[in-house]
Structure formats: structure tokens, C-alpha cells
Protein backbone atom coordinates (compact mmCIF):
# COMPACT_ATOMS: atom_id res chain seq x y z
CA UNK A 1 0.00 0.00 0.00
CA UNK A 2 1.26 3.45 -0.80
CA UNK A 3 -0.62 6.29 0.88
CA UNK A 4 -3.70 4.02 1.21
CA UNK A 5 -3.55 3.05 -2.48
CA UNK A 6 -2.64 -0.48 -3.56
CA UNK A 7 0.33 -0.32 -5.93
CA UNK A 8 1.71 -3.33 -7.79
CA UNK A 9 5.49 -3.68 -8.09
CA UNK A 10 7.62 -2.91 -9.95
CA UNK A 11 6.41 0.65 -9.49
CA UNK A 12 8.16 3.96 -9.79
CA UNK A 13 6.66 7.11 -8.38
CA UNK A 14 7.56 10.75 -8.59
CA UNK A 15 7.29 12.66 -5.35
CA UNK A 16 7.75 16.22 -4.22
CA UNK A 17 10.98 16.85 -2.35
CA UNK A 18 10.63 15.95 1.36
CA UNK A 19 7.19 14.41 0.78
CA UNK A 20 6.42 11.70 3.35
CA UNK A 21 4.92 8.46 2.06
CA UNK A 22 3.56 5.47 3.99
CA UNK A 23 4.60 1.98 2.87
CA UNK A 24 2.94 -1.32 3.75
CA UNK A 25 3.79 -4.70 2.24
CA UNK A 26 1.01 -7.15 1.36
CA UNK A 27 0.40 -9.94 2.30
CA UNK A 28 1.45 -8.71 5.71
CA UNK A 29 1.52 -12.19 7.33
CA UNK A 30 4.50 -13.15 5.13
CA UNK A 31 6.39 -9.86 5.50
CA UNK A 32 9.85 -9.99 7.10
CA UNK A 33 11.55 -6.61 6.65
CA UNK A 34 12.29 -3.68 4.38
CA UNK A 35 15.69 -3.59 2.68
CA UNK A 36 17.65 -1.04 0.71
CA UNK A 37 17.75 2.61 1.71
CA UNK A 38 15.65 1.75 4.75
CA UNK A 39 16.06 -1.30 6.96
CA UNK A 40 13.07 -1.84 9.20
CA UNK A 41 11.13 -4.87 10.39
CA UNK A 42 7.92 -2.87 10.94
CA UNK A 43 5.59 -3.40 8.01
CA UNK A 44 4.10 0.10 8.05
CA UNK A 45 6.85 2.66 7.64
CA UNK A 46 7.02 6.36 6.85
CA UNK A 47 9.67 7.43 4.37
CA UNK A 48 10.72 11.00 3.60
CA UNK A 49 11.44 11.21 -0.13
CA UNK A 50 14.38 13.62 0.06
CA UNK A 51 16.38 11.72 -2.58
CA UNK A 52 16.08 8.75 -4.93
CA UNK A 53 15.54 5.64 -2.85
CA UNK A 54 15.79 1.91 -3.49
CA UNK A 55 13.38 0.07 -1.20
CA UNK A 56 12.40 -3.60 -1.31
CA UNK A 57 9.92 -5.56 0.77
CA UNK A 58 11.42 -8.86 1.91
CA UNK A 59 9.09 -11.81 2.31
CA UNK A 60 11.72 -14.56 2.50
CA UNK A 61 12.53 -15.40 6.11
CA UNK A 62 14.56 -18.27 7.44
CA UNK A 63 15.18 -19.15 11.09
CA UNK A 64 18.55 -20.74 11.83
CA UNK A 65 18.18 -23.03 14.86
CA UNK A 66 21.77 -23.51 16.01
CA UNK A 67 23.34 -25.42 18.86
CA UNK A 68 26.12 -24.26 21.12
CA UNK A 69 29.46 -24.97 19.45
CA UNK A 70 30.12 -25.74 15.81
CA UNK A 71 27.34 -25.68 13.20
CA UNK A 72 27.66 -26.46 9.48
CA UNK A 73 25.50 -23.84 7.73
CA UNK A 74 24.82 -22.03 4.46
CA UNK A 75 22.76 -18.99 3.49
CA UNK A 76 19.33 -19.94 2.09
CA UNK A 77 18.64 -16.32 1.05
CA UNK A 78 20.62 -13.38 -0.32
CA UNK A 79 20.78 -11.08 2.71
CA UNK A 80 21.03 -7.29 2.56
CA UNK A 81 24.10 -7.47 4.82
CA UNK A 82 26.24 -10.61 4.57
CA UNK A 83 28.59 -9.73 7.45
CA UNK A 84 28.96 -12.65 9.86
CA UNK A 85 28.14 -10.39 12.82
CA UNK A 86 24.97 -9.11 11.13
CA UNK A 87 23.63 -12.62 10.58
CA UNK A 88 24.95 -14.24 13.78
CA UNK A 89 25.68 -11.33 16.16
CA UNK A 90 27.36 -13.47 18.82
CA UNK A 91 29.24 -15.84 16.50
CA UNK A 92 32.75 -16.48 17.77
CA UNK A 93 34.22 -17.35 14.37
CA UNK A 94 33.35 -18.83 10.97
CA UNK A 95 35.43 -20.84 8.50
CA UNK A 96 35.14 -21.78 4.87
CA UNK A 97 37.11 -24.62 3.28
CA UNK A 98 39.24 -23.84 0.21
CA UNK A 99 42.08 -25.71 -1.43
CA UNK A 100 42.32 -28.25 1.39
CA UNK A 101 42.43 -25.79 4.30
CA UNK A 102 40.14 -23.78 6.57
CA UNK A 103 40.06 -20.00 6.13
CA UNK A 104 38.41 -17.61 8.62
CA UNK A 105 35.69 -15.41 7.08
CA UNK A 106 33.84 -12.23 8.02
CA UNK A 107 31.31 -12.36 5.17
CA UNK A 108 29.09 -15.26 4.15
CA UNK A 109 28.19 -15.97 0.53
CA UNK A 110 25.26 -18.10 -0.61
CA UNK A 111 26.22 -21.37 -2.28
CA UNK A 112 29.08 -22.00 0.14
CA UNK A 113 29.09 -24.04 3.35
CA UNK A 114 30.58 -22.65 6.57
CA UNK A 115 31.52 -23.86 10.02
CA UNK A 116 30.16 -21.27 12.49
CA UNK A 117 30.89 -21.39 16.23
CA UNK A 118 28.05 -20.14 18.46
CA UNK A 119 28.38 -19.58 22.27
CA UNK A 120 24.93 -20.97 23.17
CA UNK A 121 21.82 -22.53 21.63
CA UNK A 122 19.96 -19.82 19.71
CA UNK A 123 17.55 -18.98 16.90
CA UNK A 124 18.72 -16.44 14.32
CA UNK A 125 16.12 -15.07 11.88
CA UNK A 126 17.43 -13.91 8.52
CA UNK A 127 15.63 -12.28 5.63
CA UNK A 128 16.66 -11.71 2.07
CA UNK A 129 15.99 -12.19 -1.57
CA UNK A 130 15.30 -15.68 -2.95
CA UNK A 131 18.33 -17.87 -3.60
CA UNK A 132 16.83 -20.52 -5.83
CA UNK A 133 19.77 -21.96 -7.77
CA UNK A 134 23.48 -21.84 -8.43
CA UNK A 135 26.05 -23.60 -10.57
CA UNK A 136 29.56 -24.39 -9.35
CA UNK A 137 32.52 -26.22 -10.81
CA UNK A 138 34.67 -28.26 -8.45
CA UNK A 139 38.06 -29.87 -8.80
CA UNK A 140 38.42 -33.42 -7.49
CA UNK A 141 38.48 -33.60 -3.70
CA UNK A 142 36.39 -32.46 -0.72
CA UNK A 143 34.35 -29.25 -0.76
CA UNK A 144 31.99 -27.42 1.62
CA UNK A 145 28.88 -26.29 -0.24
CA UNK A 146 25.58 -24.65 0.63
CA UNK A 147 21.96 -25.23 -0.26
CA UNK A 148 19.34 -23.02 -1.93
CA UNK A 149 16.08 -21.77 -0.40
CA UNK A 150 14.25 -25.02 -1.29
CA UNK A 151 14.88 -28.67 -0.48
CA UNK A 152 16.68 -30.23 -3.44
CA UNK A 153 17.64 -33.78 -4.34
CA UNK A 154 21.03 -34.17 -6.03
CA UNK A 155 21.07 -35.17 -9.68
CA UNK A 156 22.31 -38.61 -10.72
CA UNK A 157 25.76 -38.87 -9.11
CA UNK A 158 27.21 -40.63 -12.14
CA UNK A 159 26.60 -37.45 -14.16
CA UNK A 160 27.94 -34.99 -11.55
CA UNK A 161 31.12 -36.69 -10.37
CA UNK A 162 29.95 -36.46 -6.76
CA UNK A 163 30.78 -39.67 -4.89
CA UNK A 164 29.67 -38.66 -1.37
CA UNK A 165 27.53 -36.05 0.43
CA UNK A 166 27.63 -35.56 4.20
CA UNK A 167 25.82 -33.25 6.58
CA UNK A 168 26.65 -32.64 10.23
CA UNK A 169 24.28 -32.95 13.19
CA UNK A 170 25.97 -34.27 16.34
CA UNK A 171 28.22 -36.19 13.93
CA UNK A 172 28.48 -36.83 10.21
CA UNK A 173 25.49 -38.33 8.39
CA UNK A 174 25.03 -39.35 4.75
CA UNK A 175 22.79 -36.74 3.11
CA UNK A 176 20.20 -37.63 0.48
CA UNK A 177 18.95 -34.10 -0.06
CA UNK A 178 20.09 -30.51 0.34
CA UNK A 179 18.07 -28.51 2.90
CA UNK A 180 17.95 -24.72 3.27
CA UNK A 181 20.34 -23.35 5.89
CA UNK A 182 22.56 -26.43 6.03
CA UNK A 183 26.10 -26.82 4.77
CA UNK A 184 27.37 -30.03 3.19
CA UNK A 185 30.63 -31.84 2.55
CA UNK A 186 30.77 -33.26 -0.97
CA UNK A 187 33.48 -35.42 -2.49
CA UNK A 188 34.11 -34.94 -6.20
CA UNK A 189 35.95 -37.64 -8.16
């Protein structure tokens, strides 16, 4: 809603300088937050149009349910801010795996898997744009990868070169599908 008028996106309006507009995302039950030149989790917001603004309503929300200690995760959405401390404010450290070694990271990128150390059990909500697919090329060996925003079943392994997929939950388990928010070890032949 824009000033009590339903507007369908994409929509571009022209406003007088310093005009205040009211924004409301619909359907409101699925709304998570506003992103862009304003960041606000309240659905109804007032915005002063004193310059060109990029504003998006975010309806994709994911709740990370993490345990104290190490968690193997990935980003199921494209967040506005991919800083580790913005997504997991109390994270102690995060690592990615590249070229056979662990590397500490401060930013998380969708499509990759990460080990994140959390000081206590917690739920971390994250919002962002849909992350529905990605393509990656891997050399032979072990790799940490991420999942998309939907549960996916791997293609025929004989076509992909993947010989093993493992997830981690109180120990390593063979994975038969990729689930949003989880990270995975894959072995490529």
C-alpha cells in the first residue's frame, strides 16, 4: 500500500521533495523486513522522499536453529548485509574450506558451506531475496557447499562426479537431499 492506495510492483513514483509516504507490504503475514535505503522490520513505515531511494519488501525469512558450538550452515537467502556479525551477532568465528584448508571469514556468501561457532543454543532469523539456484565447478576432492532456499535432491551422481555427500548434526550423516540453511561436505571424483 502506498498512501492508502494499492500499488503493484515494480512501481516507480515521482514525489515532491521531502514528501512523506507510507509503505505497507502485502500480504502482511509473510512480511519480514524492508531492505535497501531503509532497513526496518515494521511493516508500516514512513519514508521521507528527500532523494532517490531503493526500497524492497522482503518476504523470504529463514530461522537458523543452532546449537552451542560448531554448526555447518549455508545462506538460504541473499541477505542485505552478509557480514557474519549481522547474521549471527554473537558468532565467535566462521570458517570456509578452500584448497584443502580452513580459512576464517567475516562475510558469508550463498552457495558455500561454513563452520560457524556459536556460544549458546539460539535462533537467528534472517531475511533476504530468494536464492533458488546456483552452478559451481569443483576440482576433485572435498568441498563445503551450501543449499538453496528449497529442499533439493542431487542429480544422478554418475553425471555430476559427486561420490559422497555428508551433513553434520551431532556427527556426520550421509545426506540424500540438500536442505535450506545447512552446509554439506561433498566429495568430487
